[in-house]
Amino acid sequence: MSTTNEPRPATRRPGPSRSVPAVRGLVVGVLSAGVALGVAHLVAALVNTAADPVLAVGSVAVDLAPQPVKAFAIRTFGTNDKVALLAGVYTLLALSAVLLGAATLRRRRYGLAGLAAFAGVGVAAVLSRPTATPVDVLPVLAGAGIGMAAMLVVARAARTVPGPGPGRPRLLNRRQFLATAAGTALTAGATAAIGQTVGRRSAVGARSRAAVRIPPPAQPAPPLPGGVSAGVDGVSAFLTPNRDFYRVDTALTVPQVDVETWRLTLDGAVDRPRTWTFDDLLARGVVERDITLNCVSNEVGGPYVGTARWTGIPLAPLLREAGIRAGQNQLVSRSVEGMTIGTPLEAVLDGRDALLVVAMNGEALPLEHGFPVRMLVPGLYGYVGACKWLTSLEVTTFDAFDPYWVRRGWAAEAPVKTASRIDTPKPFARRRAGPVMIAGVAWAQRRGITAVEVQIDDGPWRQARLADGPSPDLWRQWTYRWDATAGSHTLRVRATDATGTTQTDQRAAPFPDGATGWHSTTVTIT
């Protein structure tokens, strides 16, 4: 028998327990937002994948981002800029959800009002898209409604009640709270997963592309001469494989186009507007052309350039058959997701191989590169001559219409500038003293490359050897054999085009009409 007057330790029983309000607020907010986004994603998969509110908000962010921010994103993240943007959107949503959860524990109407405000932002973002319809707001509304219900349920489970005993501290039924939180998390994850599955199954683009059969070209591209390759390891392949070809655009999700319902219209200042199906275009006969394409966002020595064997329908005859009215100087192309690109009409009609492309390197145009049809005008940067997911063409003037990038300060007309790049040795490479092959590529579409020179440190410029260049619309590989000596060395390259113009050493950023300057790299010789 105990003789002490000290109380015995209490046996802990399951049931109400103390809870940290910050943790409860985090759980309430994140789970409510997760359910809202999961439901919205599922409904968007059923209605229109582009109506997903996260994608819509991301697209608005792309449109509103100042030019320096866009340049930073491309320079920093490269072709992963879209992933980085969406990660930023989800991070911002998560932080906002935590604040909403904390507000909900104080007054439920605060959390509900905050969620309604986010829904309003989502609706506005969805409706701001060029191809939006009233039905596209359903994912946002459904997600907001179910999200509010989830918020009330989880907030009720997170509510504390006065406990027994002196001071009556407020306690939480932990078992009930954990069960409710787990069920809500399961709901959020399930709706998101089902949305992903439904979205993949309803993605008509891949199925449609698999069924497409491109006819043999009426004008095949001639075989490439054996001398187009410099024969040096580390130099970019002369024809860039589709999987390696750069992709720079504003589409956060690849448009899914059914070739059976797709139509291309030609209107504007023409006497005979026309509409074609995909089969109508193929029936005109296709041609093959090897063409180098590059992006205006490319920094000096950057990766956004590649060469492919394109198959397509000549564009100029279509325009001439439509009867272009006098005084027109711009062809505006529009994509299925609303992008507008303006091309100088003269560049389409001057005899170059302007194409409506349907195939790339021997296979139907990949989804991410514009299936079923994209435009390609040699000698122009992509933002003025290579509209992807093409759906309409309008003949007009530069005074009458400013396309997407021109409204954001980029030049209306942007012929490709003469450029060159060192592919090998790579920056900060270490090589042994003795013979070292310096090699790379140079391009000046529509003019062609006639000379490439290499400089070692501050020494004289030396002529590099040029590989064959079968067309002025193609890049050329070049090589220079260097007798390397020990030490750290800076290598530079510059090219000269067929007009006799040599690259300037003056560095300029890509904005507003393409970068300039000499590409250089530093290596160590041991």
Protein backbone atom coordinates (compact mmCIF):
# COMPACT_ATOMS: atom_id res chain seq x y z
CA MET A 1 0.00 0.00 0.00
CA SER A 2 1.33 3.40 -0.95
CA THR A 3 1.94 5.88 1.82
CA THR A 4 2.69 8.86 -0.42
CA ASN A 5 0.21 11.63 -0.99
CA GLU A 6 1.46 12.20 -4.57
CA PRO A 7 -1.15 11.60 -7.28
CA ARG A 8 -0.70 8.55 -9.48
CA PRO A 9 0.17 9.07 -13.16
CA ALA A 10 -2.96 9.22 -15.27
CA THR A 11 -3.45 6.51 -17.85
CA ARG A 12 -3.65 8.08 -21.38
CA ARG A 13 -6.84 7.20 -23.17
CA PRO A 14 -7.59 7.66 -26.87
CA GLY A 15 -9.81 10.59 -27.73
CA PRO A 16 -9.45 14.36 -27.54
CA SER A 17 -5.90 15.74 -27.49
CA ARG A 18 -4.10 19.05 -27.70
CA SER A 19 -3.40 20.36 -31.22
CA VAL A 20 -1.11 22.96 -32.71
CA PRO A 21 -3.35 25.47 -34.59
CA ALA A 22 -0.72 26.16 -37.28
CA VAL A 23 -0.55 22.49 -38.21
CA ARG A 24 -4.33 22.21 -38.30
CA GLY A 25 -4.56 25.28 -40.49
CA LEU A 26 -1.99 23.85 -42.89
CA VAL A 27 -3.90 20.58 -43.15
CA VAL A 28 -7.27 22.28 -43.66
CA GLY A 29 -5.92 24.60 -46.37
CA VAL A 30 -3.76 22.15 -48.30
CA LEU A 31 -6.37 19.38 -48.33
CA SER A 32 -9.17 21.73 -49.39
CA ALA A 33 -7.04 23.13 -52.20
CA GLY A 34 -5.99 19.61 -53.21
CA VAL A 35 -9.61 18.49 -53.55
CA ALA A 36 -10.50 21.65 -55.50
CA LEU A 37 -7.61 21.21 -57.93
CA GLY A 38 -8.17 17.46 -58.28
CA VAL A 39 -11.85 17.91 -59.15
CA ALA A 40 -11.06 20.77 -61.52
CA HIS A 41 -8.44 18.63 -63.26
CA LEU A 42 -10.90 15.75 -63.64
CA VAL A 43 -13.67 17.93 -65.05
CA ALA A 44 -11.20 19.64 -67.40
CA ALA A 45 -10.18 16.22 -68.72
CA LEU A 46 -13.84 15.63 -69.58
CA VAL A 47 -14.56 19.11 -70.96
CA ASN A 48 -11.34 20.62 -72.32
CA THR A 49 -7.83 20.07 -71.00
CA ALA A 50 -6.97 23.71 -71.71
CA ALA A 51 -9.71 24.70 -69.22
CA ASP A 52 -7.67 23.37 -66.30
CA PRO A 53 -7.41 26.45 -64.04
CA VAL A 54 -3.72 25.89 -63.25
CA LEU A 55 -2.88 25.81 -66.96
CA ALA A 56 -5.07 28.86 -67.59
CA VAL A 57 -3.42 30.86 -64.80
CA GLY A 58 -0.01 29.75 -66.04
CA SER A 59 -0.85 30.89 -69.56
CA VAL A 60 -1.92 34.29 -68.25
CA ALA A 61 1.37 34.51 -66.35
CA VAL A 62 3.22 33.78 -69.60
CA ASP A 63 1.27 36.51 -71.41
CA LEU A 64 1.78 39.12 -68.69
CA ALA A 65 5.41 38.37 -67.80
CA PRO A 66 7.73 41.27 -68.70
CA GLN A 67 10.31 40.55 -71.39
CA PRO A 68 13.27 40.40 -68.95
CA VAL A 69 11.42 37.75 -66.92
CA LYS A 70 10.75 35.65 -70.02
CA ALA A 71 14.35 35.97 -71.14
CA PHE A 72 15.55 34.92 -67.67
CA ALA A 73 13.25 31.87 -67.69
CA ILE A 74 14.46 30.68 -71.09
CA ARG A 75 18.09 31.40 -70.23
CA THR A 76 17.86 29.66 -66.84
CA PHE A 77 15.49 26.76 -67.44
CA GLY A 78 15.76 26.30 -71.21
CA THR A 79 13.09 24.01 -72.61
CA ASN A 80 12.05 23.21 -69.01
CA ASP A 81 10.70 26.73 -68.56
CA LYS A 82 7.10 25.46 -68.62
CA VAL A 83 7.83 22.93 -65.87
CA ALA A 84 9.43 25.68 -63.80
CA LEU A 85 6.43 27.97 -64.33
CA LEU A 86 3.90 25.32 -63.30
CA ALA A 87 6.03 24.43 -60.28
CA GLY A 88 5.93 28.11 -59.32
CA VAL A 89 2.15 28.25 -59.72
CA TYR A 90 1.65 25.16 -57.55
CA THR A 91 4.04 26.51 -54.92
CA LEU A 92 2.12 29.80 -54.77
CA LEU A 93 -1.16 27.91 -54.50
CA ALA A 94 0.21 25.77 -51.67
CA LEU A 95 1.36 28.82 -49.68
CA SER A 96 -1.99 30.53 -50.27
CA ALA A 97 -3.81 27.37 -49.19
CA VAL A 98 -1.95 27.38 -45.87
CA LEU A 99 -3.04 30.96 -45.22
CA LEU A 100 -6.63 30.11 -46.18
CA GLY A 101 -6.58 27.15 -43.81
CA ALA A 102 -5.44 29.33 -40.92
CA ALA A 103 -8.14 31.87 -41.74
CA THR A 104 -10.77 29.12 -41.87
CA LEU A 105 -10.00 28.05 -38.29
CA ARG A 106 -10.62 31.64 -37.15
CA ARG A 107 -13.80 32.22 -39.15
CA ARG A 108 -15.05 29.75 -41.70
CA ARG A 109 -16.40 32.49 -43.87
CA TYR A 110 -12.88 33.87 -44.26
CA GLY A 111 -11.67 30.62 -45.79
CA LEU A 112 -14.74 30.26 -48.00
CA ALA A 113 -14.40 33.83 -49.23
CA GLY A 114 -10.72 33.27 -50.01
CA LEU A 115 -11.47 30.11 -51.96
CA ALA A 116 -14.21 31.93 -53.84
CA ALA A 117 -11.73 34.69 -54.71
CA PHE A 118 -9.29 32.13 -56.10
CA ALA A 119 -12.13 30.63 -58.11
CA GLY A 120 -12.85 34.07 -59.53
CA VAL A 121 -9.22 34.38 -60.61
CA GLY A 122 -9.46 30.97 -62.24
CA VAL A 123 -12.65 31.86 -64.13
CA ALA A 124 -11.10 35.10 -65.36
CA ALA A 125 -7.96 33.26 -66.48
CA VAL A 126 -9.94 30.59 -68.34
CA LEU A 127 -12.15 33.12 -70.10
CA SER A 128 -9.12 35.19 -71.10
CA ARG A 129 -7.88 32.42 -73.39
CA PRO A 130 -8.47 33.22 -77.07
CA THR A 131 -10.41 30.01 -77.75
CA ALA A 132 -12.42 29.92 -74.48
CA THR A 133 -16.14 29.12 -74.38
CA PRO A 134 -18.59 29.47 -71.45
CA VAL A 135 -18.42 25.69 -70.88
CA ASP A 136 -14.72 26.03 -70.04
CA VAL A 137 -15.53 27.57 -66.65
CA LEU A 138 -17.12 24.32 -65.43
CA PRO A 139 -13.83 22.85 -64.10
CA VAL A 140 -13.19 25.94 -61.98
CA LEU A 141 -16.74 26.07 -60.63
CA ALA A 142 -16.87 22.35 -59.89
CA GLY A 143 -13.49 22.43 -58.19
CA ALA A 144 -14.41 25.47 -56.10
CA GLY A 145 -17.74 23.97 -55.01
CA ILE A 146 -16.30 20.62 -53.91
CA GLY A 147 -13.29 22.36 -52.42
CA MET A 148 -15.54 24.50 -50.22
CA ALA A 149 -17.40 21.41 -49.05
CA ALA A 150 -14.09 19.73 -48.21
CA MET A 151 -12.98 22.84 -46.35
CA LEU A 152 -16.07 22.78 -44.14
CA VAL A 153 -15.73 19.06 -43.41
CA VAL A 154 -12.05 19.19 -42.51
CA ALA A 155 -12.46 22.45 -40.55
CA ARG A 156 -15.25 20.87 -38.50
CA ALA A 157 -13.02 17.89 -37.70
CA ALA A 158 -10.22 20.29 -36.73
CA ARG A 159 -12.44 22.14 -34.28
CA THR A 160 -11.38 21.94 -30.62
CA VAL A 161 -13.76 21.58 -27.67
CA PRO A 162 -13.37 22.45 -23.98
CA GLY A 163 -11.80 19.57 -22.09
CA PRO A 164 -12.49 18.30 -18.58
CA GLY A 165 -10.67 19.33 -15.48
CA PRO A 166 -9.33 22.58 -14.02
CA GLY A 167 -8.74 25.32 -16.58
CA ARG A 168 -10.66 23.27 -19.16
CA PRO A 169 -7.98 23.46 -21.95
CA ARG A 170 -9.35 23.13 -25.47
CA LEU A 171 -8.80 19.70 -26.99
CA LEU A 172 -9.01 18.10 -30.42
CA ASN A 173 -10.45 14.69 -31.23
CA ARG A 174 -7.28 13.56 -32.93
CA ARG A 175 -8.69 10.27 -34.19
CA GLN A 176 -11.59 11.96 -35.93
CA PHE A 177 -9.33 14.65 -37.36
CA LEU A 178 -6.81 12.17 -38.77
CA ALA A 179 -9.54 10.01 -40.28
CA THR A 180 -11.18 13.01 -41.95
CA ALA A 181 -7.84 14.33 -43.21
CA ALA A 182 -6.89 10.92 -44.62
CA GLY A 183 -10.23 10.58 -46.40
CA THR A 184 -9.95 14.06 -47.87
CA ALA A 185 -6.37 13.44 -49.02
CA LEU A 186 -7.50 10.20 -50.66
CA THR A 187 -10.29 12.07 -52.45
CA ALA A 188 -7.86 14.71 -53.72
CA GLY A 189 -5.38 12.12 -54.96
CA ALA A 190 -8.05 9.92 -56.56
CA THR A 191 -9.69 12.74 -58.50
CA ALA A 192 -6.32 13.96 -59.76
CA ALA A 193 -5.29 10.43 -60.79
CA ILE A 194 -8.59 9.75 -62.53
CA GLY A 195 -8.27 13.10 -64.28
CA GLN A 196 -4.82 12.10 -65.55
CA THR A 197 -6.16 8.77 -66.82
CA VAL A 198 -9.19 10.33 -68.49
CA GLY A 199 -6.99 13.05 -69.98
CA ARG A 200 -4.64 10.48 -71.53
CA ARG A 201 -7.51 8.45 -72.94
CA SER A 202 -9.27 11.51 -74.33
CA ALA A 203 -6.05 12.87 -75.88
CA VAL A 204 -7.04 12.48 -79.50
CA GLY A 205 -3.78 13.84 -80.87
CA ALA A 206 -1.71 10.68 -80.44
CA ARG A 207 -4.44 8.42 -81.84
CA SER A 208 -5.05 10.74 -84.75
CA ARG A 209 -1.35 11.04 -85.54
CA ALA A 210 -0.92 7.26 -85.47
CA ALA A 211 -3.61 6.91 -88.14
CA VAL A 212 -2.09 9.49 -90.50
CA ARG A 213 -0.37 8.26 -93.64
CA ILE A 214 1.79 10.81 -95.46
CA PRO A 215 2.02 10.09 -99.22
CA PRO A 216 5.40 9.82 -100.94
CA PRO A 217 6.69 13.28 -101.90
CA ALA A 218 6.21 14.42 -105.48
CA GLN A 219 9.55 16.19 -105.07
CA PRO A 220 11.82 14.20 -102.74
CA ALA A 221 14.73 15.99 -101.15
CA PRO A 222 17.98 15.07 -102.88
CA PRO A 223 20.33 12.79 -100.94
CA LEU A 224 22.72 14.71 -98.73
CA PRO A 225 26.28 14.70 -100.02
CA GLY A 226 28.72 12.75 -97.88
CA GLY A 227 30.70 15.91 -97.20
CA VAL A 228 28.03 17.63 -95.07
CA SER A 229 29.50 16.01 -91.96
CA ALA A 230 32.78 17.28 -90.58
CA GLY A 231 33.49 13.87 -89.13
CA VAL A 232 34.38 15.20 -85.67
CA ASP A 233 32.90 13.78 -82.46
CA GLY A 234 30.90 16.30 -80.48
CA VAL A 235 29.52 18.28 -83.43
CA SER A 236 25.74 18.46 -83.74
CA ALA A 237 24.27 15.91 -86.16
CA PHE A 238 23.57 17.50 -89.53
CA LEU A 239 19.93 16.35 -89.37
CA THR A 240 18.57 16.78 -85.86
CA PRO A 241 16.51 13.81 -84.60
CA ASN A 242 12.93 14.73 -83.70
CA ARG A 243 13.49 13.82 -80.04
CA ASP A 244 16.39 16.28 -79.85
CA PHE A 245 14.86 19.14 -81.83
CA TYR A 246 14.37 22.22 -79.67
CA ARG A 247 10.89 23.30 -78.61
CA VAL A 248 10.14 26.90 -77.61
CA ASP A 249 6.50 28.05 -77.47
CA THR A 250 3.91 29.35 -75.01
CA ALA A 251 1.69 26.24 -74.88
CA LEU A 252 1.77 24.83 -71.33
CA THR A 253 0.11 21.65 -72.57
CA VAL A 254 0.52 20.22 -76.06
CA PRO A 255 -2.69 20.86 -78.05
CA GLN A 256 -4.58 17.69 -78.97
CA VAL A 257 -5.94 17.97 -82.50
CA ASP A 258 -8.15 15.44 -84.28
CA VAL A 259 -7.08 15.43 -87.90
CA GLU A 260 -10.57 14.33 -88.97
CA THR A 261 -12.19 17.51 -87.67
CA TRP A 262 -9.24 19.85 -88.24
CA ARG A 263 -9.69 22.58 -90.85
CA LEU A 264 -7.40 25.25 -92.30
CA THR A 265 -9.01 28.49 -93.44
CA LEU A 266 -7.52 31.20 -95.62
CA ASP A 267 -9.27 34.56 -95.57
CA GLY A 268 -8.65 38.27 -95.09
CA ALA A 269 -7.79 40.46 -98.08
CA VAL A 270 -8.26 37.75 -100.71
CA ASP A 271 -10.81 37.41 -103.49
CA ARG A 272 -11.51 33.72 -102.93
CA PRO A 273 -11.37 32.58 -99.28
CA ARG A 274 -10.83 28.86 -98.88
CA THR A 275 -11.07 26.07 -96.31
CA TRP A 276 -9.15 22.80 -96.54
CA THR A 277 -9.27 19.50 -94.72
CA PHE A 278 -6.06 17.61 -94.01
CA ASP A 279 -6.79 15.26 -96.92
CA ASP A 280 -7.44 18.25 -99.20
CA LEU A 281 -3.92 19.50 -98.53
CA LEU A 282 -2.31 16.10 -99.03
CA ALA A 283 -4.15 15.72 -102.33
CA ARG A 284 -2.24 18.72 -103.68
CA GLY A 285 1.01 16.76 -103.44
CA VAL A 286 3.81 17.14 -100.91
CA VAL A 287 7.47 18.04 -101.29
CA GLU A 288 10.54 17.40 -99.13
CA ARG A 289 13.02 20.07 -98.13
CA ASP A 290 16.01 20.14 -95.76
CA ILE A 291 15.79 23.40 -93.78
CA THR A 292 17.51 24.78 -90.68
CA LEU A 293 15.18 26.45 -88.18
CA ASN A 294 16.17 28.56 -85.20
CA CYS A 295 14.51 30.52 -82.43
CA VAL A 296 14.97 34.25 -81.87
CA SER A 297 15.41 33.49 -78.13
CA ASN A 298 18.70 31.77 -78.87
CA GLU A 299 21.60 33.39 -77.06
CA VAL A 300 24.98 33.53 -78.82
CA GLY A 301 26.13 29.92 -79.03
CA GLY A 302 22.75 28.69 -77.77
CA PRO A 303 21.00 25.36 -78.45
CA TYR A 304 17.76 26.55 -80.07
CA VAL A 305 18.65 25.67 -83.65
CA GLY A 306 18.29 22.46 -85.62
CA THR A 307 17.92 21.01 -89.09
CA ALA A 308 15.25 18.57 -90.25
CA ARG A 309 13.91 17.05 -93.43
CA TRP A 310 10.47 18.65 -93.65
CA THR A 311 7.60 17.35 -95.79
CA GLY A 312 4.84 19.74 -96.70
CA ILE A 313 2.64 21.55 -99.14
CA PRO A 314 4.04 24.67 -100.88
CA LEU A 315 2.27 27.69 -99.40
CA ALA A 316 2.72 30.31 -102.12
CA PRO A 317 0.42 28.61 -104.68
CA LEU A 318 -2.41 28.51 -102.14
CA LEU A 319 -2.14 32.25 -101.59
CA ARG A 320 -1.95 33.07 -105.27
CA GLU A 321 -4.98 30.92 -106.04
CA ALA A 322 -6.92 32.85 -103.39
CA GLY A 323 -6.19 36.14 -105.17
CA ILE A 324 -4.28 38.50 -102.89
CA ARG A 325 -5.58 42.04 -103.05
CA ALA A 326 -3.26 44.96 -103.68
CA GLY A 327 -1.43 46.62 -100.79
CA GLN A 328 -1.20 43.58 -98.48
CA ASN A 329 2.11 42.82 -96.79
CA GLN A 330 1.46 40.49 -93.83
CA LEU A 331 0.24 36.90 -93.48
CA VAL A 332 -1.15 36.23 -90.00
CA SER A 333 -1.20 32.58 -88.97
CA ARG A 334 -3.20 31.35 -85.98
CA SER A 335 -2.81 28.17 -83.96
CA VAL A 336 -5.58 26.12 -82.38
CA GLU A 337 -4.76 27.57 -78.94
CA GLY A 338 -4.93 31.17 -80.16
CA MET A 339 -1.30 32.08 -80.82
CA THR A 340 -0.86 34.61 -83.65
CA ILE A 341 2.26 34.92 -85.78
CA GLY A 342 2.86 37.56 -88.45
CA THR A 343 4.95 36.77 -91.53
CA PRO A 344 6.06 39.22 -94.22
CA LEU A 345 3.97 38.27 -97.24
CA GLU A 346 6.92 38.91 -99.53
CA ALA A 347 8.93 36.20 -97.75
CA VAL A 348 6.26 33.63 -98.59
CA LEU A 349 5.97 34.67 -102.25
CA ASP A 350 9.60 35.35 -103.23
CA GLY A 351 10.41 31.79 -104.31
CA ARG A 352 11.79 30.30 -101.10
CA ASP A 353 10.39 26.97 -99.87
CA ALA A 354 7.63 28.27 -97.59
CA LEU A 355 5.71 25.17 -96.52
CA LEU A 356 2.66 23.92 -94.67
CA VAL A 357 4.56 21.12 -92.94
CA VAL A 358 2.90 17.74 -92.30
CA ALA A 359 5.92 15.52 -91.60
CA MET A 360 9.35 15.82 -89.99
CA ASN A 361 12.31 13.55 -90.67
CA GLY A 362 10.14 10.97 -92.37
CA GLU A 363 7.28 10.72 -89.87
CA ALA A 364 4.05 12.59 -89.27
CA LEU A 365 4.69 15.87 -87.49
CA PRO A 366 5.21 15.16 -83.74
CA LEU A 367 2.51 16.54 -81.43
CA GLU A 368 4.92 18.94 -79.69
CA HIS A 369 6.13 20.27 -83.03
CA GLY A 370 2.69 21.24 -84.32
CA PHE A 371 0.68 18.21 -85.46
CA PRO A 372 -1.18 18.07 -87.77
CA VAL A 373 0.15 21.12 -89.67
CA ARG A 374 2.67 23.85 -88.96
CA MET A 375 4.03 26.64 -91.10
CA LEU A 376 7.72 27.00 -91.96
CA VAL A 377 9.32 29.89 -93.86
CA PRO A 378 13.10 29.53 -94.36
CA GLY A 379 15.25 32.47 -93.33
CA LEU A 380 12.93 33.76 -90.61
CA TYR A 381 13.05 33.15 -86.90
CA GLY A 382 10.31 30.84 -85.67
CA TYR A 383 8.26 33.58 -84.03
CA VAL A 384 7.58 35.20 -87.41
CA GLY A 385 7.51 32.22 -89.74
CA ALA A 386 6.83 28.88 -88.05
CA CYS A 387 3.35 28.80 -86.49
CA LYS A 388 2.59 25.40 -84.91
CA TRP A 389 -0.82 23.71 -84.64
CA LEU A 390 -1.93 25.89 -87.52
CA THR A 391 -5.64 26.46 -88.08
CA SER A 392 -6.04 29.71 -90.05
CA LEU A 393 -4.24 32.14 -92.34
CA GLU A 394 -5.25 35.77 -92.85
CA VAL A 395 -3.88 38.10 -95.50
CA THR A 396 -3.61 41.62 -94.07
CA THR A 397 -1.11 44.43 -93.41
CA PHE A 398 1.36 45.20 -90.64
CA ASP A 399 -0.54 48.43 -89.95
CA ALA A 400 -3.82 46.57 -89.47
CA PHE A 401 -2.72 43.89 -87.01
CA ASP A 402 0.04 43.27 -84.45
CA PRO A 403 0.54 39.56 -83.70
CA TYR A 404 1.32 38.13 -80.27
CA TRP A 405 5.07 38.77 -80.06
CA VAL A 406 4.96 42.16 -81.79
CA ARG A 407 2.50 43.36 -79.14
CA ARG A 408 5.19 42.43 -76.63
CA GLY A 409 7.92 44.50 -78.25
CA TRP A 410 9.59 42.04 -80.62
CA ALA A 411 10.40 43.16 -84.16
CA ALA A 412 7.67 42.71 -86.77
CA GLU A 413 10.14 41.46 -89.38
CA ALA A 414 13.02 39.26 -88.26
CA PRO A 415 15.31 37.69 -90.86
CA VAL A 416 17.81 35.26 -89.36
CA LYS A 417 21.18 36.78 -88.49
CA THR A 418 24.50 35.18 -89.38
CA ALA A 419 25.65 33.05 -86.44
CA SER A 420 28.19 30.39 -85.47
CA ARG A 421 28.81 28.11 -82.54
CA ILE A 422 31.63 26.05 -81.06
CA ASP A 423 30.33 22.54 -80.28
CA THR A 424 33.65 21.00 -79.28
CA PRO A 425 35.65 21.36 -77.08
CA LYS A 426 32.93 22.02 -74.52
CA PRO A 427 33.32 24.90 -72.05
CA PHE A 428 35.94 24.20 -69.35
CA ALA A 429 37.05 21.02 -71.10
CA ARG A 430 40.52 19.65 -70.31
CA ARG A 431 42.61 18.33 -73.19
CA ARG A 432 46.16 17.10 -73.63
CA ALA A 433 48.69 19.32 -75.42
CA GLY A 434 49.02 18.59 -79.10
CA PRO A 435 46.49 18.41 -81.95
CA VAL A 436 42.95 19.38 -80.81
CA MET A 437 40.00 19.58 -83.20
CA ILE A 438 37.83 22.66 -82.74
CA ALA A 439 34.50 22.23 -84.53
CA GLY A 440 30.95 23.45 -84.67
CA VAL A 441 28.18 24.80 -86.88
CA ALA A 442 27.34 28.11 -88.57
CA TRP A 443 24.17 29.32 -90.25
CA ALA A 444 22.76 32.23 -92.24
CA GLN A 445 19.56 30.96 -93.86
CA ARG A 446 18.74 32.35 -97.32
CA ARG A 447 22.33 33.63 -97.68
CA GLY A 448 24.49 30.66 -96.75
CA ILE A 449 27.87 30.48 -95.02
CA THR A 450 31.01 31.10 -97.10
CA ALA A 451 33.69 31.27 -94.40
CA VAL A 452 34.30 30.49 -90.73
CA GLU A 453 37.30 31.74 -88.73
CA VAL A 454 38.69 30.70 -85.36
CA GLN A 455 40.75 32.78 -82.92
CA ILE A 456 42.87 31.38 -80.10
CA ASP A 457 43.24 33.87 -77.24
CA ASP A 458 44.20 37.21 -78.84
CA GLY A 459 45.97 35.67 -81.81
CA PRO A 460 45.11 36.14 -85.48
CA TRP A 461 41.92 34.80 -87.02
CA ARG A 462 42.51 31.50 -88.82
CA GLN A 463 40.37 29.97 -91.59
CA ALA A 464 38.42 26.88 -90.59
CA ARG A 465 37.58 24.11 -93.03
CA LEU A 466 33.93 24.12 -94.13
CA ALA A 467 31.96 20.95 -94.71
CA ASP A 468 29.66 20.85 -97.73
CA GLY A 469 26.66 23.19 -97.76
CA PRO A 470 24.10 21.91 -100.28
CA SER A 471 21.66 24.79 -99.70
CA PRO A 472 21.80 28.34 -98.30
CA ASP A 473 18.85 27.36 -96.08
CA LEU A 474 21.05 24.88 -94.19
CA TRP A 475 23.70 25.25 -91.53
CA ARG A 476 27.27 24.15 -92.23
CA GLN A 477 29.68 22.25 -90.07
CA TRP A 478 33.25 23.50 -89.74
CA THR A 479 36.53 22.29 -88.23
CA TYR A 480 39.90 23.74 -87.26
CA ARG A 481 42.98 21.72 -86.24
CA TRP A 482 44.74 23.45 -83.37
CA ASP A 483 48.20 22.60 -82.09
CA ALA A 484 47.33 23.24 -78.46
CA THR A 485 49.91 24.29 -75.87
CA ALA A 486 49.63 24.00 -72.09
CA GLY A 487 47.58 26.57 -70.25
CA SER A 488 44.13 28.12 -70.17
CA HIS A 489 42.92 29.32 -73.56
CA THR A 490 39.91 31.18 -74.92
CA LEU A 491 38.53 30.04 -78.29
CA ARG A 492 36.34 32.27 -80.46
CA VAL A 493 34.48 31.77 -83.73
CA ARG A 494 32.93 34.06 -86.32
CA ALA A 495 31.24 33.39 -89.67
CA THR A 496 30.84 35.24 -92.96
CA ASP A 497 27.77 34.85 -95.16
CA ALA A 498 27.42 34.95 -98.94
CA THR A 499 26.80 38.70 -98.93
CA GLY A 500 30.31 39.21 -97.51
CA THR A 501 28.99 40.22 -94.09
CA THR A 502 30.98 38.93 -91.13
CA GLN A 503 29.48 38.54 -87.67
CA THR A 504 29.92 41.56 -85.46
CA ASP A 505 31.70 41.27 -82.15
CA GLN A 506 29.14 43.55 -80.53
CA ARG A 507 27.11 41.53 -78.05
CA ALA A 508 23.34 42.01 -78.16
CA ALA A 509 20.63 40.08 -76.33
CA PRO A 510 17.98 38.21 -78.36
CA PHE A 511 15.35 40.90 -77.74
CA PRO A 512 14.01 42.38 -80.01
CA ASP A 513 15.26 40.74 -83.23
CA GLY A 514 17.97 38.19 -82.45
CA ALA A 515 21.29 37.99 -80.61
CA THR A 516 24.65 39.10 -82.03
CA GLY A 517 28.27 38.55 -80.98
CA TRP A 518 31.03 35.97 -81.22
CA HIS A 519 30.67 32.66 -79.44
CA SER A 520 33.62 31.82 -77.19
CA THR A 521 34.62 29.07 -74.82
CA THR A 522 37.48 28.52 -72.39
CA VAL A 523 39.47 25.26 -72.21
CA THR A 524 42.46 23.99 -70.26
CA ILE A 525 45.35 22.25 -71.97
CA THR A 526 47.61 20.06 -69.82
